[in-house]
Amino acid sequence: MSIIVRADQARCMGHARCNSYAPGVFKLDDNGYVAISQAEVAPEDEAAARHAVAACPERALSIEEVE
């Protein structure tokens, strides 16, 4: 099983916590806002991605588990 992360760019306030926890998953734009709408997460990045989603103060991130 793998995971996909989703980002609601309208809710992002540019705290960049997601990028600090999982820089390989959460890319930022030039202003420091999350630049992805969704991304498949490599198995080795899964723990960091889950931590990043939990750390988002705006709750702009979510995880979907896929088979």
PDB file of N, CA and C in Angstrom:
ATOM      1  N   MET A   1       0.836  -1.162   0.000  1.00  0.00           N
ATOM      2  CA  MET A   1       0.000   0.000   0.000  1.00  0.00           C
ATOM      3  C   MET A   1       0.892   1.240   0.000  1.00  0.00           C
ATOM      4  N   SER A   2       0.439   2.285  -0.661  1.00  0.00           N
ATOM      5  CA  SER A   2       1.172   3.546  -0.684  1.00  0.00           C
ATOM      6  C   SER A   2       0.221   4.683  -0.315  1.00  0.00           C
ATOM      7  N   ILE A   3       0.772   5.877  -0.224  1.00  0.00           N
ATOM      8  CA  ILE A   3      -0.070   7.018   0.119  1.00  0.00           C
ATOM      9  C   ILE A   3       0.098   8.139  -0.903  1.00  0.00           C
ATOM     10  N   ILE A   4      -0.949   8.925  -1.002  1.00  0.00           N
ATOM     11  CA  ILE A   4      -0.939  10.155  -1.785  1.00  0.00           C
ATOM     12  C   ILE A   4      -1.236  11.281  -0.809  1.00  0.00           C
ATOM     13  N   VAL A   5      -0.475  12.357  -0.891  1.00  0.00           N
ATOM     14  CA  VAL A   5      -0.782  13.532  -0.088  1.00  0.00           C
ATOM     15  C   VAL A   5      -1.482  14.544  -0.979  1.00  0.00           C
ATOM     16  N   ARG A   6      -2.404  15.244  -0.387  1.00  0.00           N
ATOM     17  CA  ARG A   6      -3.124  16.294  -1.096  1.00  0.00           C
ATOM     18  C   ARG A   6      -2.951  17.597  -0.327  1.00  0.00           C
ATOM     19  N   ALA A   7      -2.853  18.676  -1.067  1.00  0.00           N
ATOM     20  CA  ALA A   7      -2.700  19.995  -0.455  1.00  0.00           C
ATOM     21  C   ALA A   7      -3.783  20.924  -0.982  1.00  0.00           C
ATOM     22  N   ASP A   8      -4.474  21.567  -0.072  1.00  0.00           N
ATOM     23  CA  ASP A   8      -5.459  22.583  -0.416  1.00  0.00           C
ATOM     24  C   ASP A   8      -4.710  23.911  -0.427  1.00  0.00           C
ATOM     25  N   GLN A   9      -4.308  24.338  -1.605  1.00  0.00           N
ATOM     26  CA  GLN A   9      -3.484  25.529  -1.719  1.00  0.00           C
ATOM     27  C   GLN A   9      -4.196  26.787  -1.236  1.00  0.00           C
ATOM     28  N   ALA A  10      -5.503  26.808  -1.273  1.00  0.00           N
ATOM     29  CA  ALA A  10      -6.262  27.965  -0.796  1.00  0.00           C
ATOM     30  C   ALA A  10      -6.175  28.110   0.723  1.00  0.00           C
ATOM     31  N   ARG A  11      -5.956  27.012   1.430  1.00  0.00           N
ATOM     32  CA  ARG A  11      -5.861  27.049   2.892  1.00  0.00           C
ATOM     33  C   ARG A  11      -4.431  27.277   3.383  1.00  0.00           C
ATOM     34  N   CYS A  12      -3.459  27.050   2.525  1.00  0.00           N
ATOM     35  CA  CYS A  12      -2.052  27.200   2.906  1.00  0.00           C
ATOM     36  C   CYS A  12      -1.749  28.662   3.245  1.00  0.00           C
ATOM     37  N   MET A  13      -1.089  28.860   4.375  1.00  0.00           N
ATOM     38  CA  MET A  13      -0.726  30.211   4.810  1.00  0.00           C
ATOM     39  C   MET A  13       0.783  30.439   4.770  1.00  0.00           C
ATOM     40  N   GLY A  14       1.528  29.493   4.207  1.00  0.00           N
ATOM     41  CA  GLY A  14       2.955  29.683   3.998  1.00  0.00           C
ATOM     42  C   GLY A  14       3.842  29.443   5.204  1.00  0.00           C
ATOM     43  N   HIS A  15       3.388  28.639   6.159  1.00  0.00           N
ATOM     44  CA  HIS A  15       4.225  28.327   7.317  1.00  0.00           C
ATOM     45  C   HIS A  15       5.414  27.439   6.932  1.00  0.00           C
ATOM     46  N   ALA A  16       5.268  26.662   5.873  1.00  0.00           N
ATOM     47  CA  ALA A  16       6.318  25.796   5.308  1.00  0.00           C
ATOM     48  C   ALA A  16       6.754  24.672   6.237  1.00  0.00           C
ATOM     49  N   ARG A  17       5.948  24.323   7.208  1.00  0.00           N
ATOM     50  CA  ARG A  17       6.290  23.190   8.075  1.00  0.00           C
ATOM     51  C   ARG A  17       6.344  21.896   7.274  1.00  0.00           C
ATOM     52  N   CYS A  18       5.438  21.759   6.317  1.00  0.00           N
ATOM     53  CA  CYS A  18       5.418  20.539   5.500  1.00  0.00           C
ATOM     54  C   CYS A  18       6.757  20.333   4.803  1.00  0.00           C
ATOM     55  N   ASN A  19       7.293  21.396   4.242  1.00  0.00           N
ATOM     56  CA  ASN A  19       8.566  21.318   3.537  1.00  0.00           C
ATOM     57  C   ASN A  19       9.720  21.056   4.488  1.00  0.00           C
ATOM     58  N   SER A  20       9.636  21.584   5.700  1.00  0.00           N
ATOM     59  CA  SER A  20      10.731  21.350   6.642  1.00  0.00           C
ATOM     60  C   SER A  20      10.764  19.901   7.113  1.00  0.00           C
ATOM     61  N   TYR A  21       9.606  19.255   7.198  1.00  0.00           N
ATOM     62  CA  TYR A  21       9.547  17.850   7.620  1.00  0.00           C
ATOM     63  C   TYR A  21       9.764  16.885   6.452  1.00  0.00           C
ATOM     64  N   ALA A  22       9.245  17.230   5.281  1.00  0.00           N
ATOM     65  CA  ALA A  22       9.329  16.317   4.130  1.00  0.00           C
ATOM     66  C   ALA A  22       9.619  17.109   2.856  1.00  0.00           C
ATOM     67  N   PRO A  23      10.833  17.629   2.713  1.00  0.00           N
ATOM     68  CA  PRO A  23      11.156  18.461   1.546  1.00  0.00           C
ATOM     69  C   PRO A  23      11.088  17.716   0.212  1.00  0.00           C
ATOM     70  N   GLY A  24      11.252  16.414   0.255  1.00  0.00           N
ATOM     71  CA  GLY A  24      11.162  15.637  -0.975  1.00  0.00           C
ATOM     72  C   GLY A  24       9.738  15.444  -1.455  1.00  0.00           C
ATOM     73  N   VAL A  25       8.786  15.734  -0.601  1.00  0.00           N
ATOM     74  CA  VAL A  25       7.369  15.547  -0.929  1.00  0.00           C
ATOM     75  C   VAL A  25       6.680  16.886  -1.179  1.00  0.00           C
ATOM     76  N   PHE A  26       6.922  17.841  -0.295  1.00  0.00           N
ATOM     77  CA  PHE A  26       6.213  19.116  -0.342  1.00  0.00           C
ATOM     78  C   PHE A  26       7.109  20.204  -0.913  1.00  0.00           C
ATOM     79  N   LYS A  27       6.897  20.529  -2.161  1.00  0.00           N
ATOM     80  CA  LYS A  27       7.635  21.605  -2.821  1.00  0.00           C
ATOM     81  C   LYS A  27       6.923  22.921  -2.540  1.00  0.00           C
ATOM     82  N   LEU A  28       7.707  23.989  -2.448  1.00  0.00           N
ATOM     83  CA  LEU A  28       7.159  25.313  -2.188  1.00  0.00           C
ATOM     84  C   LEU A  28       7.332  26.209  -3.406  1.00  0.00           C
ATOM     85  N   ASP A  29       6.423  27.180  -3.541  1.00  0.00           N
ATOM     86  CA  ASP A  29       6.588  28.163  -4.609  1.00  0.00           C
ATOM     87  C   ASP A  29       7.551  29.256  -4.141  1.00  0.00           C
ATOM     88  N   ASP A  30       7.760  30.260  -4.955  1.00  0.00           N
ATOM     89  CA  ASP A  30       8.721  31.315  -4.639  1.00  0.00           C
ATOM     90  C   ASP A  30       8.329  32.137  -3.412  1.00  0.00           C
ATOM     91  N   ASN A  31       7.061  32.080  -3.020  1.00  0.00           N
ATOM     92  CA  ASN A  31       6.578  32.827  -1.862  1.00  0.00           C
ATOM     93  C   ASN A  31       6.489  31.984  -0.593  1.00  0.00           C
ATOM     94  N   GLY A  32       6.872  30.705  -0.675  1.00  0.00           N
ATOM     95  CA  GLY A  32       6.873  29.835   0.495  1.00  0.00           C
ATOM     96  C   GLY A  32       5.585  29.071   0.735  1.00  0.00           C
ATOM     97  N   TYR A  33       4.682  29.093  -0.246  1.00  0.00           N
ATOM     98  CA  TYR A  33       3.429  28.349  -0.136  1.00  0.00           C
ATOM     99  C   TYR A  33       3.586  26.992  -0.817  1.00  0.00           C
ATOM    100  N   VAL A  34       2.828  26.010  -0.340  1.00  0.00           N
ATOM    101  CA  VAL A  34       2.902  24.678  -0.934  1.00  0.00           C
ATOM    102  C   VAL A  34       2.546  24.765  -2.426  1.00  0.00           C
ATOM    103  N   ALA A  35       3.350  24.122  -3.255  1.00  0.00           N
ATOM    104  CA  ALA A  35       3.211  24.242  -4.704  1.00  0.00           C
ATOM    105  C   ALA A  35       2.626  22.998  -5.357  1.00  0.00           C
ATOM    106  N   ILE A  36       2.202  22.028  -4.567  1.00  0.00           N
ATOM    107  CA  ILE A  36       1.609  20.815  -5.134  1.00  0.00           C
ATOM    108  C   ILE A  36       0.130  20.767  -4.789  1.00  0.00           C
ATOM    109  N   SER A  37      -0.635  20.085  -5.623  1.00  0.00           N
ATOM    110  CA  SER A  37      -2.016  19.818  -5.238  1.00  0.00           C
ATOM    111  C   SER A  37      -2.137  18.381  -4.752  1.00  0.00           C
ATOM    112  N   GLN A  38      -1.325  17.497  -5.327  1.00  0.00           N
ATOM    113  CA  GLN A  38      -1.235  16.125  -4.832  1.00  0.00           C
ATOM    114  C   GLN A  38       0.074  15.515  -5.291  1.00  0.00           C
ATOM    115  N   ALA A  39       0.524  14.516  -4.527  1.00  0.00           N
ATOM    116  CA  ALA A  39       1.772  13.834  -4.871  1.00  0.00           C
ATOM    117  C   ALA A  39       1.760  12.436  -4.291  1.00  0.00           C
ATOM    118  N   GLU A  40       2.255  11.491  -5.070  1.00  0.00           N
ATOM    119  CA  GLU A  40       2.448  10.139  -4.556  1.00  0.00           C
ATOM    120  C   GLU A  40       3.728  10.145  -3.728  1.00  0.00           C
ATOM    121  N   VAL A  41       3.679   9.457  -2.608  1.00  0.00           N
ATOM    122  CA  VAL A  41       4.798   9.475  -1.659  1.00  0.00           C
ATOM    123  C   VAL A  41       5.574   8.165  -1.757  1.00  0.00           C
ATOM    124  N   ALA A  42       6.875   8.283  -1.904  1.00  0.00           N
ATOM    125  CA  ALA A  42       7.742   7.101  -1.911  1.00  0.00           C
ATOM    126  C   ALA A  42       7.723   6.463  -0.527  1.00  0.00           C
ATOM    127  N   PRO A  43       7.830   5.140  -0.457  1.00  0.00           N
ATOM    128  CA  PRO A  43       7.786   4.462   0.841  1.00  0.00           C
ATOM    129  C   PRO A  43       8.778   5.013   1.864  1.00  0.00           C
ATOM    130  N   GLU A  44       9.955   5.395   1.430  1.00  0.00           N
ATOM    131  CA  GLU A  44      10.954   5.907   2.363  1.00  0.00           C
ATOM    132  C   GLU A  44      10.613   7.306   2.899  1.00  0.00           C
ATOM    133  N   ASP A  45       9.673   8.001   2.257  1.00  0.00           N
ATOM    134  CA  ASP A  45       9.255   9.334   2.701  1.00  0.00           C
ATOM    135  C   ASP A  45       7.924   9.333   3.452  1.00  0.00           C
ATOM    136  N   GLU A  46       7.315   8.164   3.605  1.00  0.00           N
ATOM    137  CA  GLU A  46       5.978   8.088   4.178  1.00  0.00           C
ATOM    138  C   GLU A  46       5.909   8.623   5.613  1.00  0.00           C
ATOM    139  N   ALA A  47       6.819   8.238   6.460  1.00  0.00           N
ATOM    140  CA  ALA A  47       6.779   8.691   7.855  1.00  0.00           C
ATOM    141  C   ALA A  47       6.923  10.209   7.936  1.00  0.00           C
ATOM    142  N   ALA A  48       7.839  10.771   7.171  1.00  0.00           N
ATOM    143  CA  ALA A  48       8.035  12.223   7.160  1.00  0.00           C
ATOM    144  C   ALA A  48       6.804  12.936   6.619  1.00  0.00           C
ATOM    145  N   ALA A  49       6.179  12.375   5.580  1.00  0.00           N
ATOM    146  CA  ALA A  49       4.973  12.982   5.008  1.00  0.00           C
ATOM    147  C   ALA A  49       3.831  12.978   6.009  1.00  0.00           C
ATOM    148  N   ARG A  50       3.668  11.890   6.734  1.00  0.00           N
ATOM    149  CA  ARG A  50       2.616  11.822   7.764  1.00  0.00           C
ATOM    150  C   ARG A  50       2.870  12.846   8.872  1.00  0.00           C
ATOM    151  N   HIS A  51       4.113  13.001   9.250  1.00  0.00           N
ATOM    152  CA  HIS A  51       4.467  13.990  10.271  1.00  0.00           C
ATOM    153  C   HIS A  51       4.170  15.406   9.761  1.00  0.00           C
ATOM    154  N   ALA A  52       4.492  15.667   8.510  1.00  0.00           N
ATOM    155  CA  ALA A  52       4.242  16.981   7.919  1.00  0.00           C
ATOM    156  C   ALA A  52       2.754  17.297   7.863  1.00  0.00           C
ATOM    157  N   VAL A  53       1.952  16.324   7.480  1.00  0.00           N
ATOM    158  CA  VAL A  53       0.492  16.521   7.427  1.00  0.00           C
ATOM    159  C   VAL A  53      -0.045  16.844   8.814  1.00  0.00           C
ATOM    160  N   ALA A  54       0.418  16.129   9.816  1.00  0.00           N
ATOM    161  CA  ALA A  54      -0.039  16.363  11.185  1.00  0.00           C
ATOM    162  C   ALA A  54       0.422  17.724  11.709  1.00  0.00           C
ATOM    163  N   ALA A  55       1.537  18.242  11.212  1.00  0.00           N
ATOM    164  CA  ALA A  55       2.100  19.500  11.703  1.00  0.00           C
ATOM    165  C   ALA A  55       1.509  20.742  11.046  1.00  0.00           C
ATOM    166  N   CYS A  56       0.724  20.577   9.991  1.00  0.00           N
ATOM    167  CA  CYS A  56       0.183  21.744   9.285  1.00  0.00           C
ATOM    168  C   CYS A  56      -0.835  22.471  10.164  1.00  0.00           C
ATOM    169  N   PRO A  57      -0.546  23.729  10.554  1.00  0.00           N
ATOM    170  CA  PRO A  57      -1.467  24.442  11.436  1.00  0.00           C
ATOM    171  C   PRO A  57      -2.777  24.834  10.766  1.00  0.00           C
ATOM    172  N   GLU A  58      -2.794  24.878   9.454  1.00  0.00           N
ATOM    173  CA  GLU A  58      -4.008  25.256   8.726  1.00  0.00           C
ATOM    174  C   GLU A  58      -4.840  24.054   8.311  1.00  0.00           C
ATOM    175  N   ARG A  59      -4.322  22.851   8.566  1.00  0.00           N
ATOM    176  CA  ARG A  59      -4.984  21.610   8.142  1.00  0.00           C
ATOM    177  C   ARG A  59      -5.263  21.623   6.631  1.00  0.00           C
ATOM    178  N   ALA A  60      -4.279  22.123   5.894  1.00  0.00           N
ATOM    179  CA  ALA A  60      -4.390  22.217   4.445  1.00  0.00           C
ATOM    180  C   ALA A  60      -3.943  20.935   3.746  1.00  0.00           C
ATOM    181  N   LEU A  61      -3.432  19.967   4.512  1.00  0.00           N
ATOM    182  CA  LEU A  61      -2.892  18.739   3.936  1.00  0.00           C
ATOM    183  C   LEU A  61      -3.694  17.532   4.380  1.00  0.00           C
ATOM    184  N   SER A  62      -3.763  16.538   3.507  1.00  0.00           N
ATOM    185  CA  SER A  62      -4.441  15.292   3.856  1.00  0.00           C
ATOM    186  C   SER A  62      -3.709  14.129   3.193  1.00  0.00           C
ATOM    187  N   ILE A  63      -4.036  12.932   3.675  1.00  0.00           N
ATOM    188  CA  ILE A  63      -3.418  11.711   3.152  1.00  0.00           C
ATOM    189  C   ILE A  63      -4.513  10.771   2.680  1.00  0.00           C
ATOM    190  N   GLU A  64      -4.257  10.157   1.539  1.00  0.00           N
ATOM    191  CA  GLU A  64      -5.135   9.114   1.009  1.00  0.00           C
ATOM    192  C   GLU A  64      -4.296   7.860   0.843  1.00  0.00           C
ATOM    193  N   GLU A  65      -4.740   6.776   1.423  1.00  0.00           N
ATOM    194  CA  GLU A  65      -4.034   5.506   1.250  1.00  0.00           C
ATOM    195  C   GLU A  65      -4.585   4.793   0.023  1.00  0.00           C
ATOM    196  N   VAL A  66      -3.695   4.306  -0.815  1.00  0.00           N
ATOM    197  CA  VAL A  66      -4.064   3.608  -2.033  1.00  0.00           C
ATOM    198  C   VAL A  66      -3.361   2.264  -2.094  1.00  0.00           C
ATOM    199  N   GLU A  67      -3.970   1.342  -2.784  1.00  0.00           N
ATOM    200  CA  GLU A  67      -3.365   0.007  -2.926  1.00  0.00           C
ATOM    201  C   GLU A  67      -2.653  -0.120  -4.226  1.00  0.00           C
TER     202      GLU A  67
END
